[in-house]
Amino acid sequence: VIYLNLDIFVESFSEDSKTGGIRGIFMTVINIAIAVAPFMA
């Protein structure tokens, strides 16, 4: 559910012409944390 909330925030703050780039940064940030966190664990 928290992921849905964050995704809605990104969609509401972004403009239609820049949605692709903004969402790409959003997914990159999430995937970097997902890749690093298991090593820390």
Full PDB file with SEQRES, HELIX, SHEET, SSBOND, CRYST1, ORIGX, SCALE, CONECT and MASTER records, all heavy atoms in Angstrom:
SEQRES   1 A   41  VAL ILE TYR LEU ASN LEU ASP ILE PHE VAL GLU SER PHE          
SEQRES   2 A   41  SER GLU ASP SER LYS THR GLY GLY ILE ARG GLY ILE PHE          
SEQRES   3 A   41  MET THR VAL ILE ASN ILE ALA ILE ALA VAL ALA PRO PHE          
SEQRES   4 A   41  MET ALA                                                      
HELIX    1 AA1 ILE A    2  PHE A   13  1                                  12    
HELIX    2 AA2 ASP A   16  LYS A   18  5                                   3    
HELIX    3 AA3 THR A   19  MET A   40  1                                  22    
CRYST1    1.000    1.000    1.000  90.00  90.00  90.00 P 1           1          
ORIGX1      1.000000  0.000000  0.000000        0.00000                         
ORIGX2      0.000000  1.000000  0.000000        0.00000                         
ORIGX3      0.000000  0.000000  1.000000        0.00000                         
SCALE1      1.000000  0.000000  0.000000        0.00000                         
SCALE2      0.000000  1.000000  0.000000        0.00000                         
SCALE3      0.000000  0.000000  1.000000        0.00000                         
ATOM      1  N   VAL A   1       0.831  -1.204   0.000  1.00  0.00           N  
ATOM      2  CA  VAL A   1       0.000   0.000   0.000  1.00  0.00           C  
ATOM      3  C   VAL A   1       0.868   1.257   0.000  1.00  0.00           C  
ATOM      4  O   VAL A   1       0.561   2.245  -0.690  1.00  0.00           O  
ATOM      5  CB  VAL A   1      -0.949  -0.019   1.210  1.00  0.00           C  
ATOM      6  CG1 VAL A   1      -1.666   1.316   1.360  1.00  0.00           C  
ATOM      7  CG2 VAL A   1      -1.971  -1.139   1.066  1.00  0.00           C  
ATOM      8  N   ILE A   2       1.963   1.250   0.752  1.00  0.00           N  
ATOM      9  CA  ILE A   2       2.849   2.415   0.795  1.00  0.00           C  
ATOM     10  C   ILE A   2       3.450   2.693  -0.584  1.00  0.00           C  
ATOM     11  O   ILE A   2       3.609   3.860  -0.987  1.00  0.00           O  
ATOM     12  CB  ILE A   2       3.961   2.203   1.840  1.00  0.00           C  
ATOM     13  CG1 ILE A   2       3.356   2.200   3.243  1.00  0.00           C  
ATOM     14  CG2 ILE A   2       5.025   3.292   1.747  1.00  0.00           C  
ATOM     15  CD1 ILE A   2       4.337   1.832   4.334  1.00  0.00           C  
ATOM     16  N   TYR A   3       3.767   1.635  -1.309  1.00  0.00           N  
ATOM     17  CA  TYR A   3       4.276   1.837  -2.674  1.00  0.00           C  
ATOM     18  C   TYR A   3       3.231   2.543  -3.547  1.00  0.00           C  
ATOM     19  O   TYR A   3       3.572   3.418  -4.347  1.00  0.00           O  
ATOM     20  CB  TYR A   3       4.658   0.499  -3.293  1.00  0.00           C  
ATOM     21  CG  TYR A   3       5.048   0.615  -4.744  1.00  0.00           C  
ATOM     22  CD1 TYR A   3       6.296   1.094  -5.105  1.00  0.00           C  
ATOM     23  CD2 TYR A   3       4.149   0.275  -5.753  1.00  0.00           C  
ATOM     24  CE1 TYR A   3       6.655   1.218  -6.441  1.00  0.00           C  
ATOM     25  CE2 TYR A   3       4.500   0.395  -7.087  1.00  0.00           C  
ATOM     26  CZ  TYR A   3       5.751   0.868  -7.426  1.00  0.00           C  
ATOM     27  OH  TYR A   3       6.097   1.008  -8.745  1.00  0.00           O  
ATOM     28  N   LEU A   4       1.967   2.167  -3.396  1.00  0.00           N  
ATOM     29  CA  LEU A   4       0.908   2.845  -4.148  1.00  0.00           C  
ATOM     30  C   LEU A   4       0.842   4.323  -3.800  1.00  0.00           C  
ATOM     31  O   LEU A   4       0.687   5.184  -4.684  1.00  0.00           O  
ATOM     32  CB  LEU A   4      -0.440   2.181  -3.867  1.00  0.00           C  
ATOM     33  CG  LEU A   4      -0.668   0.778  -4.427  1.00  0.00           C  
ATOM     34  CD1 LEU A   4      -2.026   0.253  -3.969  1.00  0.00           C  
ATOM     35  CD2 LEU A   4      -0.584   0.777  -5.935  1.00  0.00           C  
ATOM     36  N   ASN A   5       0.967   4.644  -2.513  1.00  0.00           N  
ATOM     37  CA  ASN A   5       0.932   6.051  -2.096  1.00  0.00           C  
ATOM     38  C   ASN A   5       2.067   6.852  -2.711  1.00  0.00           C  
ATOM     39  O   ASN A   5       1.854   7.973  -3.207  1.00  0.00           O  
ATOM     40  CB  ASN A   5       1.001   6.139  -0.567  1.00  0.00           C  
ATOM     41  CG  ASN A   5      -0.236   5.595   0.114  1.00  0.00           C  
ATOM     42  OD1 ASN A   5      -0.146   4.722   0.971  1.00  0.00           O  
ATOM     43  ND2 ASN A   5      -1.391   6.090  -0.263  1.00  0.00           N  
ATOM     44  N   LEU A   6       3.271   6.305  -2.679  1.00  0.00           N  
ATOM     45  CA  LEU A   6       4.419   7.013  -3.252  1.00  0.00           C  
ATOM     46  C   LEU A   6       4.275   7.175  -4.759  1.00  0.00           C  
ATOM     47  O   LEU A   6       4.612   8.227  -5.323  1.00  0.00           O  
ATOM     48  CB  LEU A   6       5.705   6.258  -2.918  1.00  0.00           C  
ATOM     49  CG  LEU A   6       6.066   6.177  -1.435  1.00  0.00           C  
ATOM     50  CD1 LEU A   6       7.309   5.324  -1.234  1.00  0.00           C  
ATOM     51  CD2 LEU A   6       6.274   7.562  -0.847  1.00  0.00           C  
ATOM     52  N   ASP A   7       3.750   6.160  -5.417  1.00  0.00           N  
ATOM     53  CA  ASP A   7       3.552   6.243  -6.864  1.00  0.00           C  
ATOM     54  C   ASP A   7       2.522   7.320  -7.212  1.00  0.00           C  
ATOM     55  O   ASP A   7       2.679   8.037  -8.209  1.00  0.00           O  
ATOM     56  CB  ASP A   7       3.099   4.881  -7.392  1.00  0.00           C  
ATOM     57  CG  ASP A   7       3.040   4.851  -8.910  1.00  0.00           C  
ATOM     58  OD1 ASP A   7       4.101   4.933  -9.553  1.00  0.00           O  
ATOM     59  OD2 ASP A   7       1.926   4.762  -9.460  1.00  0.00           O  
ATOM     60  N   ILE A   8       1.499   7.463  -6.385  1.00  0.00           N  
ATOM     61  CA  ILE A   8       0.483   8.500  -6.617  1.00  0.00           C  
ATOM     62  C   ILE A   8       1.082   9.890  -6.414  1.00  0.00           C  
ATOM     63  O   ILE A   8       0.775  10.835  -7.148  1.00  0.00           O  
ATOM     64  CB  ILE A   8      -0.727   8.270  -5.701  1.00  0.00           C  
ATOM     65  CG1 ILE A   8      -1.462   7.002  -6.125  1.00  0.00           C  
ATOM     66  CG2 ILE A   8      -1.677   9.464  -5.731  1.00  0.00           C  
ATOM     67  CD1 ILE A   8      -2.530   6.559  -5.161  1.00  0.00           C  
ATOM     68  N   PHE A   9       1.953  10.036  -5.421  1.00  0.00           N  
ATOM     69  CA  PHE A   9       2.631  11.319  -5.217  1.00  0.00           C  
ATOM     70  C   PHE A   9       3.454  11.696  -6.444  1.00  0.00           C  
ATOM     71  O   PHE A   9       3.420  12.853  -6.890  1.00  0.00           O  
ATOM     72  CB  PHE A   9       3.535  11.248  -3.988  1.00  0.00           C  
ATOM     73  CG  PHE A   9       2.837  11.557  -2.698  1.00  0.00           C  
ATOM     74  CD1 PHE A   9       2.881  10.656  -1.654  1.00  0.00           C  
ATOM     75  CD2 PHE A   9       2.144  12.737  -2.518  1.00  0.00           C  
ATOM     76  CE1 PHE A   9       2.237  10.931  -0.456  1.00  0.00           C  
ATOM     77  CE2 PHE A   9       1.498  13.030  -1.340  1.00  0.00           C  
ATOM     78  CZ  PHE A   9       1.549  12.118  -0.303  1.00  0.00           C  
ATOM     79  N   VAL A  10       4.200  10.759  -6.979  1.00  0.00           N  
ATOM     80  CA  VAL A  10       5.020  11.037  -8.164  1.00  0.00           C  
ATOM     81  C   VAL A  10       4.135  11.440  -9.337  1.00  0.00           C  
ATOM     82  O   VAL A  10       4.444  12.386 -10.077  1.00  0.00           O  
ATOM     83  CB  VAL A  10       5.879   9.804  -8.508  1.00  0.00           C  
ATOM     84  CG1 VAL A  10       6.585  10.001  -9.843  1.00  0.00           C  
ATOM     85  CG2 VAL A  10       6.903   9.552  -7.422  1.00  0.00           C  
ATOM     86  N   GLU A  11       3.035  10.751  -9.513  1.00  0.00           N  
ATOM     87  CA  GLU A  11       2.139  11.064 -10.628  1.00  0.00           C  
ATOM     88  C   GLU A  11       1.484  12.433 -10.467  1.00  0.00           C  
ATOM     89  O   GLU A  11       1.317  13.169 -11.446  1.00  0.00           O  
ATOM     90  CB  GLU A  11       1.064   9.983 -10.734  1.00  0.00           C  
ATOM     91  CG  GLU A  11       0.110  10.180 -11.905  1.00  0.00           C  
ATOM     92  CD  GLU A  11      -0.942   9.086 -11.986  1.00  0.00           C  
ATOM     93  OE1 GLU A  11      -0.893   8.169 -11.156  1.00  0.00           O  
ATOM     94  OE2 GLU A  11      -1.795   9.168 -12.873  1.00  0.00           O  
ATOM     95  N   SER A  12       1.111  12.786  -9.241  1.00  0.00           N  
ATOM     96  CA  SER A  12       0.424  14.063  -9.017  1.00  0.00           C  
ATOM     97  C   SER A  12       1.358  15.251  -9.148  1.00  0.00           C  
ATOM     98  O   SER A  12       0.936  16.340  -9.537  1.00  0.00           O  
ATOM     99  CB  SER A  12      -0.227  14.064  -7.631  1.00  0.00           C  
ATOM    100  OG  SER A  12       0.755  13.929  -6.613  1.00  0.00           O  
ATOM    101  N   PHE A  13       2.649  15.085  -8.833  1.00  0.00           N  
ATOM    102  CA  PHE A  13       3.594  16.191  -8.904  1.00  0.00           C  
ATOM    103  C   PHE A  13       4.196  16.380 -10.289  1.00  0.00           C  
ATOM    104  O   PHE A  13       4.759  17.434 -10.571  1.00  0.00           O  
ATOM    105  CB  PHE A  13       4.738  15.977  -7.902  1.00  0.00           C  
ATOM    106  CG  PHE A  13       4.309  16.064  -6.472  1.00  0.00           C  
ATOM    107  CD1 PHE A  13       5.015  15.404  -5.479  1.00  0.00           C  
ATOM    108  CD2 PHE A  13       3.203  16.796  -6.112  1.00  0.00           C  
ATOM    109  CE1 PHE A  13       4.623  15.472  -4.161  1.00  0.00           C  
ATOM    110  CE2 PHE A  13       2.795  16.878  -4.795  1.00  0.00           C  
ATOM    111  CZ  PHE A  13       3.504  16.211  -3.811  1.00  0.00           C  
ATOM    112  N   SER A  14       4.114  15.376 -11.135  1.00  0.00           N  
ATOM    113  CA  SER A  14       4.788  15.435 -12.433  1.00  0.00           C  
ATOM    114  C   SER A  14       3.856  15.941 -13.525  1.00  0.00           C  
ATOM    115  O   SER A  14       2.642  15.742 -13.469  1.00  0.00           O  
ATOM    116  CB  SER A  14       5.310  14.043 -12.813  1.00  0.00           C  
ATOM    117  OG  SER A  14       4.242  13.122 -12.896  1.00  0.00           O  
ATOM    118  N   GLU A  15       4.441  16.611 -14.519  1.00  0.00           N  
ATOM    119  CA  GLU A  15       3.702  17.057 -15.687  1.00  0.00           C  
ATOM    120  C   GLU A  15       3.672  15.953 -16.739  1.00  0.00           C  
ATOM    121  O   GLU A  15       4.522  15.059 -16.747  1.00  0.00           O  
ATOM    122  CB  GLU A  15       4.351  18.312 -16.261  1.00  0.00           C  
ATOM    123  CG  GLU A  15       4.406  19.478 -15.282  1.00  0.00           C  
ATOM    124  CD  GLU A  15       5.149  20.661 -15.855  1.00  0.00           C  
ATOM    125  OE1 GLU A  15       5.618  20.543 -17.011  1.00  0.00           O  
ATOM    126  OE2 GLU A  15       5.269  21.685 -15.159  1.00  0.00           O  
ATOM    127  N   ASP A  16       2.695  16.018 -17.619  1.00  0.00           N  
ATOM    128  CA  ASP A  16       2.540  14.961 -18.621  1.00  0.00           C  
ATOM    129  C   ASP A  16       3.759  14.852 -19.527  1.00  0.00           C  
ATOM    130  O   ASP A  16       4.156  13.743 -19.925  1.00  0.00           O  
ATOM    131  CB  ASP A  16       1.288  15.226 -19.469  1.00  0.00           C  
ATOM    132  CG  ASP A  16       0.005  15.085 -18.655  1.00  0.00           C  
ATOM    133  OD1 ASP A  16       0.054  14.402 -17.609  1.00  0.00           O  
ATOM    134  OD2 ASP A  16      -1.025  15.657 -19.050  1.00  0.00           O  
ATOM    135  N   SER A  17       4.374  15.976 -19.860  1.00  0.00           N  
ATOM    136  CA  SER A  17       5.525  15.951 -20.765  1.00  0.00           C  
ATOM    137  C   SER A  17       6.790  15.415 -20.105  1.00  0.00           C  
ATOM    138  O   SER A  17       7.733  15.030 -20.789  1.00  0.00           O  
ATOM    139  CB  SER A  17       5.798  17.363 -21.296  1.00  0.00           C  
ATOM    140  OG  SER A  17       6.049  18.264 -20.223  1.00  0.00           O  
ATOM    141  N   LYS A  18       6.815  15.379 -18.756  1.00  0.00           N  
ATOM    142  CA  LYS A  18       8.013  14.937 -18.041  1.00  0.00           C  
ATOM    143  C   LYS A  18       7.760  13.677 -17.213  1.00  0.00           C  
ATOM    144  O   LYS A  18       8.608  13.291 -16.400  1.00  0.00           O  
ATOM    145  CB  LYS A  18       8.503  16.050 -17.112  1.00  0.00           C  
ATOM    146  CG  LYS A  18       8.870  17.335 -17.842  1.00  0.00           C  
ATOM    147  CD  LYS A  18       9.326  18.399 -16.869  1.00  0.00           C  
ATOM    148  CE  LYS A  18       9.675  19.691 -17.593  1.00  0.00           C  
ATOM    149  NZ  LYS A  18      10.104  20.754 -16.643  1.00  0.00           N  
ATOM    150  N   THR A  19       6.620  13.055 -17.403  1.00  0.00           N  
ATOM    151  CA  THR A  19       6.264  11.900 -16.573  1.00  0.00           C  
ATOM    152  C   THR A  19       7.249  10.756 -16.751  1.00  0.00           C  
ATOM    153  O   THR A  19       7.643  10.099 -15.777  1.00  0.00           O  
ATOM    154  CB  THR A  19       4.840  11.431 -16.917  1.00  0.00           C  
ATOM    155  OG1 THR A  19       3.922  12.507 -16.689  1.00  0.00           O  
ATOM    156  CG2 THR A  19       4.443  10.241 -16.064  1.00  0.00           C  
ATOM    157  N   GLY A  20       7.665  10.493 -17.992  1.00  0.00           N  
ATOM    158  CA  GLY A  20       8.574   9.372 -18.244  1.00  0.00           C  
ATOM    159  C   GLY A  20       9.897   9.518 -17.523  1.00  0.00           C  
ATOM    160  O   GLY A  20      10.366   8.576 -16.869  1.00  0.00           O  
ATOM    161  N   GLY A  21      10.506  10.680 -17.608  1.00  0.00           N  
ATOM    162  CA  GLY A  21      11.783  10.904 -16.941  1.00  0.00           C  
ATOM    163  C   GLY A  21      11.671  10.860 -15.432  1.00  0.00           C  
ATOM    164  O   GLY A  21      12.528  10.290 -14.745  1.00  0.00           O  
ATOM    165  N   ILE A  22      10.608  11.472 -14.899  1.00  0.00           N  
ATOM    166  CA  ILE A  22      10.418  11.498 -13.446  1.00  0.00           C  
ATOM    167  C   ILE A  22      10.174  10.098 -12.907  1.00  0.00           C  
ATOM    168  O   ILE A  22      10.748   9.682 -11.892  1.00  0.00           O  
ATOM    169  CB  ILE A  22       9.259  12.444 -13.089  1.00  0.00           C  
ATOM    170  CG1 ILE A  22       9.651  13.887 -13.401  1.00  0.00           C  
ATOM    171  CG2 ILE A  22       8.876  12.301 -11.618  1.00  0.00           C  
ATOM    172  CD1 ILE A  22       8.522  14.872 -13.288  1.00  0.00           C  
ATOM    173  N   ARG A  23       9.324   9.344 -13.603  1.00  0.00           N  
ATOM    174  CA  ARG A  23       9.055   7.978 -13.153  1.00  0.00           C  
ATOM    175  C   ARG A  23      10.295   7.094 -13.308  1.00  0.00           C  
ATOM    176  O   ARG A  23      10.517   6.175 -12.510  1.00  0.00           O  
ATOM    177  CB  ARG A  23       7.881   7.396 -13.938  1.00  0.00           C  
ATOM    178  CG  ARG A  23       7.386   6.057 -13.423  1.00  0.00           C  
ATOM    179  CD  ARG A  23       6.076   5.692 -14.071  1.00  0.00           C  
ATOM    180  NE  ARG A  23       5.028   6.620 -13.697  1.00  0.00           N  
ATOM    181  CZ  ARG A  23       4.340   6.525 -12.553  1.00  0.00           C  
ATOM    182  NH1 ARG A  23       4.609   5.562 -11.701  1.00  0.00           N  
ATOM    183  NH2 ARG A  23       3.402   7.391 -12.288  1.00  0.00           N  
ATOM    184  N   GLY A  24      11.119   7.362 -14.322  1.00  0.00           N  
ATOM    185  CA  GLY A  24      12.359   6.612 -14.472  1.00  0.00           C  
ATOM    186  C   GLY A  24      13.302   6.835 -13.292  1.00  0.00           C  
ATOM    187  O   GLY A  24      13.912   5.885 -12.787  1.00  0.00           O  
ATOM    188  N   ILE A  25      13.426   8.096 -12.855  1.00  0.00           N  
ATOM    189  CA  ILE A  25      14.250   8.388 -11.675  1.00  0.00           C  
ATOM    190  C   ILE A  25      13.673   7.711 -10.443  1.00  0.00           C  
ATOM    191  O   ILE A  25      14.401   7.149  -9.604  1.00  0.00           O  
ATOM    192  CB  ILE A  25      14.357   9.910 -11.476  1.00  0.00           C  
ATOM    193  CG1 ILE A  25      15.062  10.564 -12.675  1.00  0.00           C  
ATOM    194  CG2 ILE A  25      15.110  10.230 -10.190  1.00  0.00           C  
ATOM    195  CD1 ILE A  25      15.078  12.070 -12.614  1.00  0.00           C  
ATOM    196  N   PHE A  26      12.348   7.747 -10.314  1.00  0.00           N  
ATOM    197  CA  PHE A  26      11.673   7.131  -9.173  1.00  0.00           C  
ATOM    198  C   PHE A  26      11.973   5.636  -9.102  1.00  0.00           C  
ATOM    199  O   PHE A  26      12.346   5.107  -8.039  1.00  0.00           O  
ATOM    200  CB  PHE A  26      10.167   7.393  -9.291  1.00  0.00           C  
ATOM    201  CG  PHE A  26       9.329   6.672  -8.281  1.00  0.00           C  
ATOM    202  CD1 PHE A  26       9.358   7.025  -6.941  1.00  0.00           C  
ATOM    203  CD2 PHE A  26       8.475   5.653  -8.681  1.00  0.00           C  
ATOM    204  CE1 PHE A  26       8.574   6.364  -6.012  1.00  0.00           C  
ATOM    205  CE2 PHE A  26       7.683   4.987  -7.767  1.00  0.00           C  
ATOM    206  CZ  PHE A  26       7.731   5.349  -6.423  1.00  0.00           C  
ATOM    207  N   MET A  27      11.856   4.948 -10.229  1.00  0.00           N  
ATOM    208  CA  MET A  27      12.118   3.510 -10.253  1.00  0.00           C  
ATOM    209  C   MET A  27      13.604   3.209 -10.044  1.00  0.00           C  
ATOM    210  O   MET A  27      13.964   2.204  -9.410  1.00  0.00           O  
ATOM    211  CB  MET A  27      11.644   2.921 -11.582  1.00  0.00           C  
ATOM    212  CG  MET A  27      10.152   3.041 -11.830  1.00  0.00           C  
ATOM    213  SD  MET A  27       9.149   2.274 -10.537  1.00  0.00           S  
ATOM    214  CE  MET A  27       9.680   0.572 -10.671  1.00  0.00           C  
ATOM    215  N   THR A  28      14.490   4.075 -10.551  1.00  0.00           N  
ATOM    216  CA  THR A  28      15.924   3.877 -10.349  1.00  0.00           C  
ATOM    217  C   THR A  28      16.299   3.984  -8.880  1.00  0.00           C  
ATOM    218  O   THR A  28      17.081   3.174  -8.348  1.00  0.00           O  
ATOM    219  CB  THR A  28      16.717   4.902 -11.172  1.00  0.00           C  
ATOM    220  OG1 THR A  28      16.369   4.772 -12.551  1.00  0.00           O  
ATOM    221  CG2 THR A  28      18.210   4.708 -10.989  1.00  0.00           C  
ATOM    222  N   VAL A  29      15.734   4.992  -8.210  1.00  0.00           N  
ATOM    223  CA  VAL A  29      16.007   5.163  -6.776  1.00  0.00           C  
ATOM    224  C   VAL A  29      15.547   3.938  -5.994  1.00  0.00           C  
ATOM    225  O   VAL A  29      16.266   3.427  -5.117  1.00  0.00           O  
ATOM    226  CB  VAL A  29      15.313   6.444  -6.264  1.00  0.00           C  
ATOM    227  CG1 VAL A  29      15.347   6.509  -4.742  1.00  0.00           C  
ATOM    228  CG2 VAL A  29      15.966   7.682  -6.853  1.00  0.00           C  
ATOM    229  N   ILE A  30      14.360   3.439  -6.311  1.00  0.00           N  
ATOM    230  CA  ILE A  30      13.835   2.266  -5.604  1.00  0.00           C  
ATOM    231  C   ILE A  30      14.707   1.041  -5.868  1.00  0.00           C  
ATOM    232  O   ILE A  30      15.047   0.282  -4.939  1.00  0.00           O  
ATOM    233  CB  ILE A  30      12.380   2.012  -6.036  1.00  0.00           C  
ATOM    234  CG1 ILE A  30      11.470   3.100  -5.450  1.00  0.00           C  
ATOM    235  CG2 ILE A  30      11.909   0.636  -5.584  1.00  0.00           C  
ATOM    236  CD1 ILE A  30      10.018   2.962  -5.841  1.00  0.00           C  
ATOM    237  N   ASN A  31      15.102   0.829  -7.118  1.00  0.00           N  
ATOM    238  CA  ASN A  31      15.881  -0.363  -7.455  1.00  0.00           C  
ATOM    239  C   ASN A  31      17.295  -0.311  -6.873  1.00  0.00           C  
ATOM    240  O   ASN A  31      17.863  -1.366  -6.527  1.00  0.00           O  
ATOM    241  CB  ASN A  31      15.946  -0.535  -8.973  1.00  0.00           C  
ATOM    242  CG  ASN A  31      14.607  -0.969  -9.554  1.00  0.00           C  
ATOM    243  OD1 ASN A  31      13.904  -1.769  -8.958  1.00  0.00           O  
ATOM    244  ND2 ASN A  31      14.254  -0.433 -10.705  1.00  0.00           N  
ATOM    245  N   ILE A  32      17.869   0.883  -6.759  1.00  0.00           N  
ATOM    246  CA  ILE A  32      19.189   0.985  -6.131  1.00  0.00           C  
ATOM    247  C   ILE A  32      19.109   0.550  -4.667  1.00  0.00           C  
ATOM    248  O   ILE A  32      19.953  -0.215  -4.172  1.00  0.00           O  
ATOM    249  CB  ILE A  32      19.726   2.423  -6.247  1.00  0.00           C  
ATOM    250  CG1 ILE A  32      20.117   2.730  -7.696  1.00  0.00           C  
ATOM    251  CG2 ILE A  32      20.920   2.636  -5.327  1.00  0.00           C  
ATOM    252  CD1 ILE A  32      20.515   4.167  -7.931  1.00  0.00           C  
ATOM    253  N   ALA A  33      18.088   1.022  -3.978  1.00  0.00           N  
ATOM    254  CA  ALA A  33      17.927   0.628  -2.577  1.00  0.00           C  
ATOM    255  C   ALA A  33      17.657  -0.867  -2.450  1.00  0.00           C  
ATOM    256  O   ALA A  33      18.171  -1.527  -1.536  1.00  0.00           O  
ATOM    257  CB  ALA A  33      16.788   1.429  -1.948  1.00  0.00           C  
ATOM    258  N   ILE A  34      16.855  -1.413  -3.361  1.00  0.00           N  
ATOM    259  CA  ILE A  34      16.565  -2.851  -3.320  1.00  0.00           C  
ATOM    260  C   ILE A  34      17.825  -3.669  -3.584  1.00  0.00           C  
ATOM    261  O   ILE A  34      18.004  -4.759  -3.021  1.00  0.00           O  
ATOM    262  CB  ILE A  34      15.456  -3.197  -4.332  1.00  0.00           C  
ATOM    263  CG1 ILE A  34      14.128  -2.587  -3.876  1.00  0.00           C  
ATOM    264  CG2 ILE A  34      15.306  -4.700  -4.505  1.00  0.00           C  
ATOM    265  CD1 ILE A  34      12.998  -2.758  -4.857  1.00  0.00           C  
ATOM    266  N   ALA A  35      18.717  -3.173  -4.436  1.00  0.00           N  
ATOM    267  CA  ALA A  35      19.955  -3.892  -4.734  1.00  0.00           C  
ATOM    268  C   ALA A  35      20.955  -3.810  -3.582  1.00  0.00           C  
ATOM    269  O   ALA A  35      21.701  -4.772  -3.327  1.00  0.00           O  
ATOM    270  CB  ALA A  35      20.584  -3.330  -6.011  1.00  0.00           C  
ATOM    271  N   VAL A  36      20.993  -2.688  -2.890  1.00  0.00           N  
ATOM    272  CA  VAL A  36      21.980  -2.488  -1.827  1.00  0.00           C  
ATOM    273  C   VAL A  36      21.530  -3.114  -0.510  1.00  0.00           C  
ATOM    274  O   VAL A  36      22.359  -3.652   0.249  1.00  0.00           O  
ATOM    275  CB  VAL A  36      22.272  -0.987  -1.650  1.00  0.00           C  
ATOM    276  CG1 VAL A  36      23.187  -0.733  -0.453  1.00  0.00           C  
ATOM    277  CG2 VAL A  36      22.886  -0.414  -2.918  1.00  0.00           C  
ATOM    278  N   ALA A  37      20.230  -3.069  -0.225  1.00  0.00           N  
ATOM    279  CA  ALA A  37      19.728  -3.503   1.081  1.00  0.00           C  
ATOM    280  C   ALA A  37      20.048  -4.956   1.422  1.00  0.00           C  
ATOM    281  O   ALA A  37      20.438  -5.245   2.560  1.00  0.00           O  
ATOM    282  CB  ALA A  37      18.213  -3.256   1.149  1.00  0.00           C  
ATOM    283  N   PRO A  38      19.930  -5.940   0.507  1.00  0.00           N  
ATOM    284  CA  PRO A  38      20.274  -7.319   0.877  1.00  0.00           C  
ATOM    285  C   PRO A  38      21.735  -7.493   1.286  1.00  0.00           C  
ATOM    286  O   PRO A  38      22.045  -8.300   2.172  1.00  0.00           O  
ATOM    287  CB  PRO A  38      19.954  -8.099  -0.407  1.00  0.00           C  
ATOM    288  CG  PRO A  38      18.905  -7.305  -1.085  1.00  0.00           C  
ATOM    289  CD  PRO A  38      19.281  -5.886  -0.815  1.00  0.00           C  
ATOM    290  N   PHE A  39      22.646  -6.744   0.663  1.00  0.00           N  
ATOM    291  CA  PHE A  39      24.047  -6.810   1.083  1.00  0.00           C  
ATOM    292  C   PHE A  39      24.206  -6.310   2.518  1.00  0.00           C  
ATOM    293  O   PHE A  39      24.946  -6.901   3.315  1.00  0.00           O  
ATOM    294  CB  PHE A  39      24.915  -5.983   0.134  1.00  0.00           C  
ATOM    295  CG  PHE A  39      25.067  -6.587  -1.225  1.00  0.00           C  
ATOM    296  CD1 PHE A  39      24.306  -6.124  -2.291  1.00  0.00           C  
ATOM    297  CD2 PHE A  39      25.960  -7.613  -1.452  1.00  0.00           C  
ATOM    298  CE1 PHE A  39      24.434  -6.673  -3.561  1.00  0.00           C  
ATOM    299  CE2 PHE A  39      26.111  -8.182  -2.717  1.00  0.00           C  
ATOM    300  CZ  PHE A  39      25.347  -7.704  -3.771  1.00  0.00           C  
ATOM    301  N   MET A  40      23.511  -5.213   2.833  1.00  0.00           N  
ATOM    302  CA  MET A  40      23.562  -4.714   4.196  1.00  0.00           C  
ATOM    303  C   MET A  40      22.963  -5.709   5.180  1.00  0.00           C  
ATOM    304  O   MET A  40      23.474  -5.896   6.287  1.00  0.00           O  
ATOM    305  CB  MET A  40      22.828  -3.368   4.275  1.00  0.00           C  
ATOM    306  CG  MET A  40      23.480  -2.261   3.493  1.00  0.00           C  
ATOM    307  SD  MET A  40      22.655  -0.682   3.716  1.00  0.00           S  
ATOM    308  CE  MET A  40      22.895  -0.415   5.469  1.00  0.00           C  
ATOM    309  N   ALA A  41      21.868  -6.363   4.782  1.00  0.00           N  
ATOM    310  CA  ALA A  41      21.257  -7.377   5.651  1.00  0.00           C  
ATOM    311  C   ALA A  41      22.221  -8.534   5.894  1.00  0.00           C  
ATOM    312  O   ALA A  41      22.314  -9.080   6.998  1.00  0.00           O  
ATOM    313  CB  ALA A  41      19.958  -7.879   5.029  1.00  0.00           C  
TER     314      ALA A  41                                                      
MASTER        0    0    0    3    0    0    0    6  313    1    0    4          
END                                                                             
